[in-house]
Amino acid sequence: MTEYIMINHGVGTPENWDPYFKMLCDNNHMIGGSAVDHGISVKDSAFSNALTTTMTGYLLIQAESLEKAKEIMALSPVHKAGGTVELFTLVKS
């Protein structure tokens, strides 16, 4: 299985998260994740304005293929609520 990170920009409907997490766990897709709070961005030892302020959390998932990961992403409460979800393949060293 390949690991992916889904970066959420938006919150989704609260009642949709429990069934989504259950689906991820029941199908062995869930690895971890978290909501995020305020952050900072540092560049060359100075503060930068490049911070992505819309990021609300992330999920680490695993799937058999990128196509399956896209299907999982499309079911995300953030995606369904009109937010943006970014999907990246994690590189294993």
Protein backbone atom coordinates (compact mmCIF):
# COMPACT_ATOMS: atom_id res chain seq x y z
CA MET A 1 0.00 0.00 0.00
CA THR A 2 1.12 3.54 -0.71
CA GLU A 3 0.86 6.28 1.91
CA TYR A 4 -0.72 9.65 1.19
CA ILE A 5 -1.28 12.90 3.05
CA MET A 6 -4.53 14.78 2.63
CA ILE A 7 -4.28 18.45 3.60
CA ASN A 8 -7.65 19.98 4.45
CA HIS A 9 -8.62 23.58 3.81
CA GLY A 10 -12.05 23.84 5.43
CA VAL A 11 -13.86 21.96 8.17
CA GLY A 12 -16.75 19.98 6.74
CA THR A 13 -19.94 19.12 8.56
CA PRO A 14 -19.24 17.78 12.08
CA GLU A 15 -21.74 14.90 11.86
CA ASN A 16 -19.99 13.57 8.74
CA TRP A 17 -16.60 13.04 10.40
CA ASP A 18 -17.43 9.98 12.55
CA PRO A 19 -18.80 7.91 9.62
CA TYR A 20 -15.85 8.99 7.47
CA PHE A 21 -13.30 7.97 10.12
CA LYS A 22 -15.16 4.67 10.61
CA MET A 23 -15.00 3.97 6.86
CA LEU A 24 -11.25 4.76 6.83
CA CYS A 25 -10.56 2.50 9.82
CA ASP A 26 -12.84 -0.34 8.68
CA ASN A 27 -11.08 -0.44 5.29
CA ASN A 28 -7.55 -0.17 6.71
CA HIS A 29 -6.93 3.25 5.12
CA MET A 30 -6.44 5.36 8.27
CA ILE A 31 -2.90 5.92 9.52
CA GLY A 32 -3.37 9.15 11.50
CA GLY A 33 -4.05 12.84 11.32
CA SER A 34 -4.94 15.91 13.28
CA ALA A 35 -6.66 19.26 13.19
CA VAL A 36 -4.21 22.17 13.25
CA ASP A 37 -4.27 25.54 14.98
CA HIS A 38 -2.47 28.78 14.18
CA GLY A 39 1.11 28.52 12.97
CA ILE A 40 4.06 30.50 11.75
CA SER A 41 6.20 30.40 8.64
CA VAL A 42 9.97 30.86 8.81
CA LYS A 43 12.27 31.54 5.88
CA ASP A 44 16.00 32.27 6.17
CA SER A 45 15.62 32.86 9.92
CA ALA A 46 13.00 35.56 9.35
CA PHE A 47 9.25 35.38 9.55
CA SER A 48 7.50 35.03 6.21
CA ASN A 49 3.96 35.84 5.11
CA ALA A 50 3.84 32.62 3.06
CA LEU A 51 1.88 30.72 5.72
CA THR A 52 -1.10 28.76 4.40
CA THR A 53 -3.70 30.19 6.77
CA THR A 54 -6.57 28.12 5.40
CA MET A 55 -5.10 24.74 6.42
CA THR A 56 -7.37 23.18 9.03
CA GLY A 57 -5.89 19.70 9.36
CA TYR A 58 -4.43 16.66 7.69
CA LEU A 59 -5.01 12.95 7.37
CA LEU A 60 -2.45 10.26 6.70
CA ILE A 61 -4.01 7.45 4.71
CA GLN A 62 -2.92 4.39 2.78
CA ALA A 63 -4.43 3.05 -0.42
CA GLU A 64 -3.64 0.55 -3.18
CA SER A 65 -3.36 3.27 -5.83
CA LEU A 66 -3.59 6.99 -6.47
CA GLU A 67 -7.02 6.42 -8.01
CA LYS A 68 -8.26 4.78 -4.78
CA ALA A 69 -6.74 7.63 -2.74
CA LYS A 70 -8.66 10.11 -4.93
CA GLU A 71 -11.87 8.18 -4.23
CA ILE A 72 -11.17 8.36 -0.49
CA MET A 73 -10.44 12.08 -0.77
CA ALA A 74 -13.70 12.70 -2.65
CA LEU A 75 -15.64 11.26 0.32
CA SER A 76 -13.97 13.66 2.77
CA PRO A 77 -16.37 15.88 4.74
CA VAL A 78 -14.21 18.88 3.79
CA HIS A 79 -14.50 18.07 0.09
CA LYS A 80 -18.23 17.43 0.35
CA ALA A 81 -18.73 20.78 2.12
CA GLY A 82 -17.02 22.64 -0.73
CA GLY A 83 -13.61 22.99 0.90
CA THR A 84 -10.32 22.09 -0.71
CA VAL A 85 -8.42 18.87 -0.01
CA GLU A 86 -4.90 18.46 -1.35
CA LEU A 87 -3.54 14.95 -1.88
CA PHE A 88 0.16 14.10 -1.95
CA THR A 89 1.96 10.77 -2.24
CA LEU A 90 4.43 10.31 0.63
CA VAL A 91 7.93 9.36 -0.42
CA LYS A 92 9.56 6.58 1.56
CA SER A 93 13.31 6.72 1.90
